[in-house]
PDB file of N, CA and C in Angstrom:
ATOM      1  N   MET A   1       0.819  -1.193   0.000  1.00  0.00           N
ATOM      2  CA  MET A   1       0.000   0.000   0.000  1.00  0.00           C
ATOM      3  C   MET A   1       0.868   1.265   0.000  1.00  0.00           C
ATOM      4  N   GLU A   2       1.996   1.205   0.701  1.00  0.00           N
ATOM      5  CA  GLU A   2       2.871   2.390   0.725  1.00  0.00           C
ATOM      6  C   GLU A   2       3.350   2.749  -0.675  1.00  0.00           C
ATOM      7  N   ALA A   3       3.701   1.744  -1.454  1.00  0.00           N
ATOM      8  CA  ALA A   3       4.167   2.003  -2.817  1.00  0.00           C
ATOM      9  C   ALA A   3       3.076   2.673  -3.646  1.00  0.00           C
ATOM     10  N   GLU A   4       1.848   2.233  -3.470  1.00  0.00           N
ATOM     11  CA  GLU A   4       0.734   2.832  -4.208  1.00  0.00           C
ATOM     12  C   GLU A   4       0.508   4.282  -3.793  1.00  0.00           C
ATOM     13  N   LEU A   5       0.618   4.546  -2.506  1.00  0.00           N
ATOM     14  CA  LEU A   5       0.444   5.921  -2.027  1.00  0.00           C
ATOM     15  C   LEU A   5       1.573   6.828  -2.529  1.00  0.00           C
ATOM     16  N   LYS A   6       2.797   6.318  -2.533  1.00  0.00           N
ATOM     17  CA  LYS A   6       3.921   7.101  -3.052  1.00  0.00           C
ATOM     18  C   LYS A   6       3.720   7.393  -4.535  1.00  0.00           C
ATOM     19  N   GLU A   7       3.270   6.398  -5.282  1.00  0.00           N
ATOM     20  CA  GLU A   7       3.024   6.592  -6.709  1.00  0.00           C
ATOM     21  C   GLU A   7       1.917   7.617  -6.934  1.00  0.00           C
ATOM     22  N   ARG A   8       0.859   7.524  -6.146  1.00  0.00           N
ATOM     23  CA  ARG A   8      -0.239   8.488  -6.261  1.00  0.00           C
ATOM     24  C   ARG A   8       0.252   9.902  -5.946  1.00  0.00           C
ATOM     25  N   PHE A   9       1.076  10.023  -4.907  1.00  0.00           N
ATOM     26  CA  PHE A   9       1.652  11.316  -4.544  1.00  0.00           C
ATOM     27  C   PHE A   9       2.399  11.914  -5.736  1.00  0.00           C
ATOM     28  N   GLU A  10       3.264  11.108  -6.345  1.00  0.00           N
ATOM     29  CA  GLU A  10       4.056  11.581  -7.492  1.00  0.00           C
ATOM     30  C   GLU A  10       3.163  11.967  -8.665  1.00  0.00           C
ATOM     31  N   LEU A  11       2.117  11.205  -8.906  1.00  0.00           N
ATOM     32  CA  LEU A  11       1.206  11.516 -10.012  1.00  0.00           C
ATOM     33  C   LEU A  11       0.489  12.845  -9.789  1.00  0.00           C
ATOM     34  N   TYR A  12       0.086  13.110  -8.555  1.00  0.00           N
ATOM     35  CA  TYR A  12      -0.557  14.393  -8.254  1.00  0.00           C
ATOM     36  C   TYR A  12       0.420  15.557  -8.442  1.00  0.00           C
ATOM     37  N   ILE A  13       1.665  15.361  -8.030  1.00  0.00           N
ATOM     38  CA  ILE A  13       2.680  16.403  -8.222  1.00  0.00           C
ATOM     39  C   ILE A  13       2.879  16.663  -9.714  1.00  0.00           C
ATOM     40  N   GLU A  14       3.047  15.606 -10.487  1.00  0.00           N
ATOM     41  CA  GLU A  14       3.236  15.760 -11.933  1.00  0.00           C
ATOM     42  C   GLU A  14       2.050  16.477 -12.568  1.00  0.00           C
ATOM     43  N   ARG A  15       0.850  16.096 -12.164  1.00  0.00           N
ATOM     44  CA  ARG A  15      -0.354  16.736 -12.718  1.00  0.00           C
ATOM     45  C   ARG A  15      -0.371  18.220 -12.351  1.00  0.00           C
ATOM     46  N   GLY A  16      -0.076  18.527 -11.099  1.00  0.00           N
ATOM     47  CA  GLY A  16      -0.044  19.923 -10.667  1.00  0.00           C
ATOM     48  C   GLY A  16       0.996  20.727 -11.428  1.00  0.00           C
ATOM     49  N   ASP A  17       2.165  20.142 -11.645  1.00  0.00           N
ATOM     50  CA  ASP A  17       3.218  20.834 -12.393  1.00  0.00           C
ATOM     51  C   ASP A  17       2.790  21.099 -13.835  1.00  0.00           C
ATOM     52  N   ARG A  18       2.161  20.100 -14.456  1.00  0.00           N
ATOM     53  CA  ARG A  18       1.690  20.272 -15.835  1.00  0.00           C
ATOM     54  C   ARG A  18       0.629  21.365 -15.908  1.00  0.00           C
ATOM     55  N   LEU A  19      -0.289  21.353 -14.967  1.00  0.00           N
ATOM     56  CA  LEU A  19      -1.350  22.369 -14.957  1.00  0.00           C
ATOM     57  C   LEU A  19      -0.783  23.761 -14.672  1.00  0.00           C
ATOM     58  N   THR A  20       0.234  23.828 -13.845  1.00  0.00           N
ATOM     59  CA  THR A  20       0.890  25.115 -13.588  1.00  0.00           C
ATOM     60  C   THR A  20       1.520  25.646 -14.870  1.00  0.00           C
ATOM     61  N   GLU A  21       2.193  24.777 -15.597  1.00  0.00           N
ATOM     62  CA  GLU A  21       2.790  25.190 -16.872  1.00  0.00           C
ATOM     63  C   GLU A  21       1.726  25.684 -17.842  1.00  0.00           C
ATOM     64  N   GLU A  22       0.535  25.103 -17.758  1.00  0.00           N
ATOM     65  CA  GLU A  22      -0.583  25.507 -18.621  1.00  0.00           C
ATOM     66  C   GLU A  22      -1.338  26.717 -18.061  1.00  0.00           C
ATOM     67  N   ARG A  23      -0.867  27.213 -16.928  1.00  0.00           N
ATOM     68  CA  ARG A  23      -1.472  28.352 -16.235  1.00  0.00           C
ATOM     69  C   ARG A  23      -2.901  28.086 -15.763  1.00  0.00           C
ATOM     70  N   LYS A  24      -3.161  26.862 -15.444  1.00  0.00           N
ATOM     71  CA  LYS A  24      -4.451  26.458 -14.866  1.00  0.00           C
ATOM     72  C   LYS A  24      -4.238  26.308 -13.365  1.00  0.00           C
ATOM     73  N   TYR A  25      -4.076  27.451 -12.708  1.00  0.00           N
ATOM     74  CA  TYR A  25      -3.613  27.466 -11.326  1.00  0.00           C
ATOM     75  C   TYR A  25      -4.614  26.886 -10.337  1.00  0.00           C
ATOM     76  N   GLU A  26      -5.883  27.109 -10.559  1.00  0.00           N
ATOM     77  CA  GLU A  26      -6.878  26.570  -9.636  1.00  0.00           C
ATOM     78  C   GLU A  26      -6.863  25.042  -9.669  1.00  0.00           C
ATOM     79  N   GLU A  27      -6.784  24.482 -10.865  1.00  0.00           N
ATOM     80  CA  GLU A  27      -6.703  23.030 -11.004  1.00  0.00           C
ATOM     81  C   GLU A  27      -5.364  22.501 -10.471  1.00  0.00           C
ATOM     82  N   ALA A  28      -4.296  23.247 -10.689  1.00  0.00           N
ATOM     83  CA  ALA A  28      -2.988  22.847 -10.165  1.00  0.00           C
ATOM     84  C   ALA A  28      -3.029  22.812  -8.641  1.00  0.00           C
ATOM     85  N   PHE A  29      -3.624  23.819  -8.038  1.00  0.00           N
ATOM     86  CA  PHE A  29      -3.751  23.849  -6.584  1.00  0.00           C
ATOM     87  C   PHE A  29      -4.484  22.615  -6.092  1.00  0.00           C
ATOM     88  N   ASP A  30      -5.581  22.268  -6.758  1.00  0.00           N
ATOM     89  CA  ASP A  30      -6.343  21.082  -6.359  1.00  0.00           C
ATOM     90  C   ASP A  30      -5.488  19.819  -6.437  1.00  0.00           C
ATOM     91  N   ALA A  31      -4.683  19.684  -7.496  1.00  0.00           N
ATOM     92  CA  ALA A  31      -3.803  18.515  -7.630  1.00  0.00           C
ATOM     93  C   ALA A  31      -2.755  18.505  -6.515  1.00  0.00           C
ATOM     94  N   TYR A  32      -2.178  19.667  -6.208  1.00  0.00           N
ATOM     95  CA  TYR A  32      -1.198  19.737  -5.124  1.00  0.00           C
ATOM     96  C   TYR A  32      -1.840  19.438  -3.768  1.00  0.00           C
ATOM     97  N   LEU A  33      -3.076  19.883  -3.583  1.00  0.00           N
ATOM     98  CA  LEU A  33      -3.774  19.581  -2.333  1.00  0.00           C
ATOM     99  C   LEU A  33      -4.007  18.077  -2.206  1.00  0.00           C
ATOM    100  N   GLU A  34      -4.351  17.422  -3.297  1.00  0.00           N
ATOM    101  CA  GLU A  34      -4.497  15.965  -3.277  1.00  0.00           C
ATOM    102  C   GLU A  34      -3.160  15.299  -2.952  1.00  0.00           C
ATOM    103  N   ALA A  35      -2.067  15.863  -3.456  1.00  0.00           N
ATOM    104  CA  ALA A  35      -0.739  15.336  -3.124  1.00  0.00           C
ATOM    105  C   ALA A  35      -0.473  15.479  -1.626  1.00  0.00           C
ATOM    106  N   LEU A  36      -0.843  16.609  -1.050  1.00  0.00           N
ATOM    107  CA  LEU A  36      -0.659  16.838   0.379  1.00  0.00           C
ATOM    108  C   LEU A  36      -1.471  15.840   1.197  1.00  0.00           C
ATOM    109  N   ILE A  37      -2.699  15.624   0.815  1.00  0.00           N
ATOM    110  CA  ILE A  37      -3.558  14.664   1.515  1.00  0.00           C
ATOM    111  C   ILE A  37      -2.981  13.255   1.381  1.00  0.00           C
ATOM    112  N   THR A  38      -2.481  12.935   0.201  1.00  0.00           N
ATOM    113  CA  THR A  38      -1.879  11.617  -0.014  1.00  0.00           C
ATOM    114  C   THR A  38      -0.627  11.443   0.830  1.00  0.00           C
ATOM    115  N   LEU A  39       0.183  12.495   0.943  1.00  0.00           N
ATOM    116  CA  LEU A  39       1.376  12.424   1.784  1.00  0.00           C
ATOM    117  C   LEU A  39       0.988  12.190   3.241  1.00  0.00           C
ATOM    118  N   ALA A  40      -0.039  12.880   3.705  1.00  0.00           N
ATOM    119  CA  ALA A  40      -0.509  12.677   5.079  1.00  0.00           C
ATOM    120  C   ALA A  40      -1.027  11.249   5.257  1.00  0.00           C
ATOM    121  N   SER A  41      -1.759  10.764   4.273  1.00  0.00           N
ATOM    122  CA  SER A  41      -2.263   9.387   4.331  1.00  0.00           C
ATOM    123  C   SER A  41      -1.115   8.388   4.378  1.00  0.00           C
ATOM    124  N   LEU A  42      -0.092   8.653   3.612  1.00  0.00           N
ATOM    125  CA  LEU A  42       1.088   7.789   3.584  1.00  0.00           C
ATOM    126  C   LEU A  42       1.751   7.734   4.958  1.00  0.00           C
ATOM    127  N   ARG A  43       1.926   8.887   5.588  1.00  0.00           N
ATOM    128  CA  ARG A  43       2.563   8.921   6.905  1.00  0.00           C
ATOM    129  C   ARG A  43       1.717   8.182   7.926  1.00  0.00           C
ATOM    130  N   VAL A  44       0.412   8.410   7.914  1.00  0.00           N
ATOM    131  CA  VAL A  44      -0.465   7.730   8.874  1.00  0.00           C
ATOM    132  C   VAL A  44      -0.444   6.226   8.624  1.00  0.00           C
ATOM    133  N   TYR A  45      -0.500   5.828   7.369  1.00  0.00           N
ATOM    134  CA  TYR A  45      -0.477   4.401   7.047  1.00  0.00           C
ATOM    135  C   TYR A  45       0.845   3.763   7.486  1.00  0.00           C
ATOM    136  N   ALA A  46       1.944   4.438   7.233  1.00  0.00           N
ATOM    137  CA  ALA A  46       3.254   3.900   7.621  1.00  0.00           C
ATOM    138  C   ALA A  46       3.360   3.741   9.138  1.00  0.00           C
ATOM    139  N   ASP A  47       2.744   4.658   9.878  1.00  0.00           N
ATOM    140  CA  ASP A  47       2.822   4.612  11.343  1.00  0.00           C
ATOM    141  C   ASP A  47       1.820   3.660  11.981  1.00  0.00           C
ATOM    142  N   THR A  48       0.630   3.545  11.381  1.00  0.00           N
ATOM    143  CA  THR A  48      -0.447   2.813  12.046  1.00  0.00           C
ATOM    144  C   THR A  48      -0.945   1.599  11.277  1.00  0.00           C
ATOM    145  N   GLY A  49      -0.661   1.543   9.980  1.00  0.00           N
ATOM    146  CA  GLY A  49      -1.204   0.475   9.152  1.00  0.00           C
ATOM    147  C   GLY A  49      -2.654   0.707   8.774  1.00  0.00           C
ATOM    148  N   MET A  50      -3.170   1.904   9.091  1.00  0.00           N
ATOM    149  CA  MET A  50      -4.572   2.221   8.789  1.00  0.00           C
ATOM    150  C   MET A  50      -4.663   3.259   7.679  1.00  0.00           C
ATOM    151  N   LEU A  51      -5.650   3.092   6.832  1.00  0.00           N
ATOM    152  CA  LEU A  51      -6.003   4.144   5.878  1.00  0.00           C
ATOM    153  C   LEU A  51      -7.106   4.963   6.531  1.00  0.00           C
ATOM    154  N   VAL A  52      -6.867   6.255   6.637  1.00  0.00           N
ATOM    155  CA  VAL A  52      -7.777   7.135   7.352  1.00  0.00           C
ATOM    156  C   VAL A  52      -8.403   8.109   6.353  1.00  0.00           C
ATOM    157  N   PRO A  53      -9.714   8.368   6.467  1.00  0.00           N
ATOM    158  CA  PRO A  53     -10.338   9.337   5.564  1.00  0.00           C
ATOM    159  C   PRO A  53      -9.685  10.708   5.692  1.00  0.00           C
ATOM    160  N   ALA A  54      -9.657  11.434   4.596  1.00  0.00           N
ATOM    161  CA  ALA A  54      -8.984  12.740   4.553  1.00  0.00           C
ATOM    162  C   ALA A  54      -9.455  13.674   5.663  1.00  0.00           C
ATOM    163  N   GLU A  55     -10.744  13.677   5.940  1.00  0.00           N
ATOM    164  CA  GLU A  55     -11.273  14.602   6.946  1.00  0.00           C
ATOM    165  C   GLU A  55     -10.832  14.248   8.369  1.00  0.00           C
ATOM    166  N   ARG A  56     -10.269  13.073   8.581  1.00  0.00           N
ATOM    167  CA  ARG A  56      -9.811  12.673   9.917  1.00  0.00           C
ATOM    168  C   ARG A  56      -8.295  12.636  10.049  1.00  0.00           C
ATOM    169  N   LEU A  57      -7.568  12.943   8.987  1.00  0.00           N
ATOM    170  CA  LEU A  57      -6.109  12.832   9.007  1.00  0.00           C
ATOM    171  C   LEU A  57      -5.453  13.697  10.069  1.00  0.00           C
ATOM    172  N   ILE A  58      -5.930  14.912  10.246  1.00  0.00           N
ATOM    173  CA  ILE A  58      -5.276  15.843  11.171  1.00  0.00           C
ATOM    174  C   ILE A  58      -5.154  15.236  12.568  1.00  0.00           C
ATOM    175  N   GLY A  59      -6.134  14.490  12.995  1.00  0.00           N
ATOM    176  CA  GLY A  59      -6.088  13.871  14.317  1.00  0.00           C
ATOM    177  C   GLY A  59      -5.014  12.800  14.474  1.00  0.00           C
ATOM    178  N   PHE A  60      -4.427  12.363  13.366  1.00  0.00           N
ATOM    179  CA  PHE A  60      -3.417  11.307  13.401  1.00  0.00           C
ATOM    180  C   PHE A  60      -2.004  11.834  13.137  1.00  0.00           C
ATOM    181  N   LEU A  61      -1.834  13.128  12.981  1.00  0.00           N
ATOM    182  CA  LEU A  61      -0.552  13.674  12.540  1.00  0.00           C
ATOM    183  C   LEU A  61       0.260  14.342  13.643  1.00  0.00           C
ATOM    184  N   GLY A  62       0.012  13.981  14.878  1.00  0.00           N
ATOM    185  CA  GLY A  62       0.719  14.607  15.993  1.00  0.00           C
ATOM    186  C   GLY A  62       2.236  14.521  15.896  1.00  0.00           C
ATOM    187  N   LYS A  63       2.756  13.444  15.298  1.00  0.00           N
ATOM    188  CA  LYS A  63       4.207  13.287  15.157  1.00  0.00           C
ATOM    189  C   LYS A  63       4.767  14.143  14.019  1.00  0.00           C
ATOM    190  N   TYR A  64       3.888  14.743  13.247  1.00  0.00           N
ATOM    191  CA  TYR A  64       4.291  15.512  12.066  1.00  0.00           C
ATOM    192  C   TYR A  64       3.640  16.892  12.086  1.00  0.00           C
ATOM    193  N   PRO A  65       4.057  17.754  13.015  1.00  0.00           N
ATOM    194  CA  PRO A  65       3.381  19.049  13.158  1.00  0.00           C
ATOM    195  C   PRO A  65       3.436  19.915  11.902  1.00  0.00           C
ATOM    196  N   ARG A  66       4.507  19.841  11.145  1.00  0.00           N
ATOM    197  CA  ARG A  66       4.581  20.663   9.926  1.00  0.00           C
ATOM    198  C   ARG A  66       3.581  20.174   8.878  1.00  0.00           C
ATOM    199  N   LEU A  67       3.435  18.882   8.762  1.00  0.00           N
ATOM    200  CA  LEU A  67       2.466  18.307   7.844  1.00  0.00           C
ATOM    201  C   LEU A  67       1.041  18.646   8.297  1.00  0.00           C
ATOM    202  N   GLU A  68       0.796  18.525   9.582  1.00  0.00           N
ATOM    203  CA  GLU A  68      -0.515  18.869  10.132  1.00  0.00           C
ATOM    204  C   GLU A  68      -0.833  20.347   9.892  1.00  0.00           C
ATOM    205  N   GLU A  69       0.137  21.197  10.120  1.00  0.00           N
ATOM    206  CA  GLU A  69      -0.071  22.641   9.924  1.00  0.00           C
ATOM    207  C   GLU A  69      -0.352  22.948   8.454  1.00  0.00           C
ATOM    208  N   ALA A  70       0.354  22.297   7.540  1.00  0.00           N
ATOM    209  CA  ALA A  70       0.131  22.516   6.108  1.00  0.00           C
ATOM    210  C   ALA A  70      -1.282  22.084   5.714  1.00  0.00           C
ATOM    211  N   LEU A  71      -1.733  20.962   6.235  1.00  0.00           N
ATOM    212  CA  LEU A  71      -3.098  20.514   5.946  1.00  0.00           C
ATOM    213  C   LEU A  71      -4.117  21.523   6.449  1.00  0.00           C
ATOM    214  N   ARG A  72      -3.916  22.013   7.648  1.00  0.00           N
ATOM    215  CA  ARG A  72      -4.844  23.015   8.198  1.00  0.00           C
ATOM    216  C   ARG A  72      -4.827  24.295   7.354  1.00  0.00           C
ATOM    217  N   ARG A  73      -3.642  24.722   6.955  1.00  0.00           N
ATOM    218  CA  ARG A  73      -3.494  25.988   6.237  1.00  0.00           C
ATOM    219  C   ARG A  73      -4.086  25.934   4.833  1.00  0.00           C
ATOM    220  N   PHE A  74      -3.888  24.826   4.114  1.00  0.00           N
ATOM    221  CA  PHE A  74      -4.296  24.777   2.718  1.00  0.00           C
ATOM    222  C   PHE A  74      -5.669  24.150   2.488  1.00  0.00           C
ATOM    223  N   SER A  75      -6.181  23.392   3.426  1.00  0.00           N
ATOM    224  CA  SER A  75      -7.512  22.795   3.259  1.00  0.00           C
ATOM    225  C   SER A  75      -8.569  23.884   3.312  1.00  0.00           C
ATOM    226  N   GLY A  76      -9.526  23.783   2.429  1.00  0.00           N
ATOM    227  CA  GLY A  76     -10.613  24.762   2.402  1.00  0.00           C
ATOM    228  C   GLY A  76     -10.264  26.054   1.701  1.00  0.00           C
ATOM    229  N   VAL A  77      -9.065  26.150   1.138  1.00  0.00           N
ATOM    230  CA  VAL A  77      -8.631  27.356   0.425  1.00  0.00           C
ATOM    231  C   VAL A  77      -8.953  27.198  -1.052  1.00  0.00           C
ATOM    232  N   ARG A  78      -9.394  28.253  -1.685  1.00  0.00           N
ATOM    233  CA  ARG A  78      -9.541  28.258  -3.141  1.00  0.00           C
ATOM    234  C   ARG A  78      -8.226  28.770  -3.679  1.00  0.00           C
ATOM    235  N   GLY A  79      -7.581  27.973  -4.480  1.00  0.00           N
ATOM    236  CA  GLY A  79      -6.230  28.292  -4.895  1.00  0.00           C
ATOM    237  C   GLY A  79      -6.127  28.962  -6.238  1.00  0.00           C
ATOM    238  N   GLY A  80      -5.402  30.043  -6.265  1.00  0.00           N
ATOM    239  CA  GLY A  80      -4.996  30.696  -7.493  1.00  0.00           C
ATOM    240  C   GLY A  80      -3.508  30.464  -7.699  1.00  0.00           C
ATOM    241  N   GLU A  81      -2.879  31.298  -8.499  1.00  0.00           N
ATOM    242  CA  GLU A  81      -1.459  31.121  -8.794  1.00  0.00           C
ATOM    243  C   GLU A  81      -0.604  31.186  -7.533  1.00  0.00           C
ATOM    244  N   LYS A  82      -0.823  32.204  -6.720  1.00  0.00           N
ATOM    245  CA  LYS A  82      -0.017  32.386  -5.506  1.00  0.00           C
ATOM    246  C   LYS A  82      -0.138  31.174  -4.573  1.00  0.00           C
ATOM    247  N   GLU A  83      -1.359  30.719  -4.367  1.00  0.00           N
ATOM    248  CA  GLU A  83      -1.591  29.596  -3.458  1.00  0.00           C
ATOM    249  C   GLU A  83      -1.024  28.294  -4.033  1.00  0.00           C
ATOM    250  N   ALA A  84      -1.181  28.105  -5.341  1.00  0.00           N
ATOM    251  CA  ALA A  84      -0.646  26.887  -5.970  1.00  0.00           C
ATOM    252  C   ALA A  84       0.871  26.846  -5.828  1.00  0.00           C
ATOM    253  N   ARG A  85       1.524  27.960  -6.075  1.00  0.00           N
ATOM    254  CA  ARG A  85       2.986  27.989  -5.971  1.00  0.00           C
ATOM    255  C   ARG A  85       3.443  27.803  -4.526  1.00  0.00           C
ATOM    256  N   ALA A  86       2.731  28.399  -3.590  1.00  0.00           N
ATOM    257  CA  ALA A  86       3.080  28.245  -2.174  1.00  0.00           C
ATOM    258  C   ALA A  86       2.914  26.792  -1.727  1.00  0.00           C
ATOM    259  N   LEU A  87       1.834  26.163  -2.147  1.00  0.00           N
ATOM    260  CA  LEU A  87       1.609  24.766  -1.777  1.00  0.00           C
ATOM    261  C   LEU A  87       2.661  23.865  -2.419  1.00  0.00           C
ATOM    262  N   ARG A  88       3.033  24.149  -3.650  1.00  0.00           N
ATOM    263  CA  ARG A  88       4.068  23.351  -4.325  1.00  0.00           C
ATOM    264  C   ARG A  88       5.389  23.435  -3.571  1.00  0.00           C
ATOM    265  N   GLU A  89       5.754  24.638  -3.132  1.00  0.00           N
ATOM    266  CA  GLU A  89       6.986  24.808  -2.352  1.00  0.00           C
ATOM    267  C   GLU A  89       6.901  24.045  -1.034  1.00  0.00           C
ATOM    268  N   GLU A  90       5.756  24.126  -0.385  1.00  0.00           N
ATOM    269  CA  GLU A  90       5.577  23.413   0.883  1.00  0.00           C
ATOM    270  C   GLU A  90       5.678  21.900   0.674  1.00  0.00           C
ATOM    271  N   LEU A  91       5.144  21.410  -0.420  1.00  0.00           N
ATOM    272  CA  LEU A  91       5.235  19.982  -0.716  1.00  0.00           C
ATOM    273  C   LEU A  91       6.682  19.532  -0.866  1.00  0.00           C
ATOM    274  N   GLU A  92       7.513  20.347  -1.473  1.00  0.00           N
ATOM    275  CA  GLU A  92       8.937  19.981  -1.603  1.00  0.00           C
ATOM    276  C   GLU A  92       9.615  19.932  -0.237  1.00  0.00           C
ATOM    277  N   ARG A  93       9.295  20.892   0.629  1.00  0.00           N
ATOM    278  CA  ARG A  93       9.878  20.871   1.979  1.00  0.00           C
ATOM    279  C   ARG A  93       9.415  19.622   2.727  1.00  0.00           C
ATOM    280  N   LEU A  94       8.119  19.334   2.639  1.00  0.00           N
ATOM    281  CA  LEU A  94       7.579  18.167   3.332  1.00  0.00           C
ATOM    282  C   LEU A  94       8.121  16.875   2.754  1.00  0.00           C
ATOM    283  N   ARG A  95       8.294  16.828   1.452  1.00  0.00           N
ATOM    284  CA  ARG A  95       8.850  15.640   0.798  1.00  0.00           C
ATOM    285  C   ARG A  95      10.220  15.323   1.400  1.00  0.00           C
ATOM    286  N   GLY A  96      11.033  16.334   1.587  1.00  0.00           N
ATOM    287  CA  GLY A  96      12.350  16.139   2.189  1.00  0.00           C
ATOM    288  C   GLY A  96      12.261  15.644   3.618  1.00  0.00           C
ATOM    289  N   MET A  97      11.334  16.188   4.364  1.00  0.00           N
ATOM    290  CA  MET A  97      11.153  15.773   5.755  1.00  0.00           C
ATOM    291  C   MET A  97      10.633  14.342   5.854  1.00  0.00           C
ATOM    292  N   MET A  98       9.919  13.896   4.832  1.00  0.00           N
ATOM    293  CA  MET A  98       9.320  12.568   4.849  1.00  0.00           C
ATOM    294  C   MET A  98      10.192  11.536   4.137  1.00  0.00           C
ATOM    295  N   SER A  99      11.404  11.941   3.770  1.00  0.00           N
ATOM    296  CA  SER A  99      12.369  11.055   3.112  1.00  0.00           C
ATOM    297  C   SER A  99      11.890  10.522   1.770  1.00  0.00           C
ATOM    298  N   LEU A 100      11.231  11.370   1.014  1.00  0.00           N
ATOM    299  CA  LEU A 100      10.849  11.032  -0.355  1.00  0.00           C
ATOM    300  C   LEU A 100      11.802  11.745  -1.295  1.00  0.00           C
ATOM    301  N   PRO A 101      12.127  11.155  -2.427  1.00  0.00           N
ATOM    302  CA  PRO A 101      13.045  11.818  -3.366  1.00  0.00           C
ATOM    303  C   PRO A 101      12.452  13.113  -3.902  1.00  0.00           C
ATOM    304  N   SER A 102      13.307  14.088  -4.148  1.00  0.00           N
ATOM    305  CA  SER A 102      12.867  15.386  -4.653  1.00  0.00           C
ATOM    306  C   SER A 102      12.499  15.304  -6.119  1.00  0.00           C
ATOM    307  N   SER A 103      11.566  16.160  -6.501  1.00  0.00           N
ATOM    308  CA  SER A 103      11.211  16.254  -7.917  1.00  0.00           C
ATOM    309  C   SER A 103      11.738  17.549  -8.507  1.00  0.00           C
ATOM    310  N   GLU A 104      12.573  18.258  -7.747  1.00  0.00           N
ATOM    311  CA  GLU A 104      13.139  19.511  -8.257  1.00  0.00           C
ATOM    312  C   GLU A 104      13.900  19.260  -9.541  1.00  0.00           C
ATOM    313  N   ARG A 105      13.717  20.158 -10.459  1.00  0.00           N
ATOM    314  CA  ARG A 105      14.372  20.013 -11.763  1.00  0.00           C
ATOM    315  C   ARG A 105      15.687  20.733 -11.769  1.00  0.00           C
TER     316      ARG A 105
END
């Protein structure tokens, strides 16, 4: 399951990057938000062996305050260019903290 979650995370990042290049920032933000949720799901699954619904993830992220804070900050936001770029940067920082390979070009 971890491999599938990692693959899903990467696919959301790739989709967000492609949409950003196409200047479809609202859609890119949504893809990056899905990547963030997938990263949180991955961490919870790795720690507990449970898949937790997105709306309950925050309660399971006590060991990952930066990830929890990012979920709180970006959830419920309507994303434009500024928000999409900010979330993309945050995803790279979190990726490093979670020991996932960077996608920086």
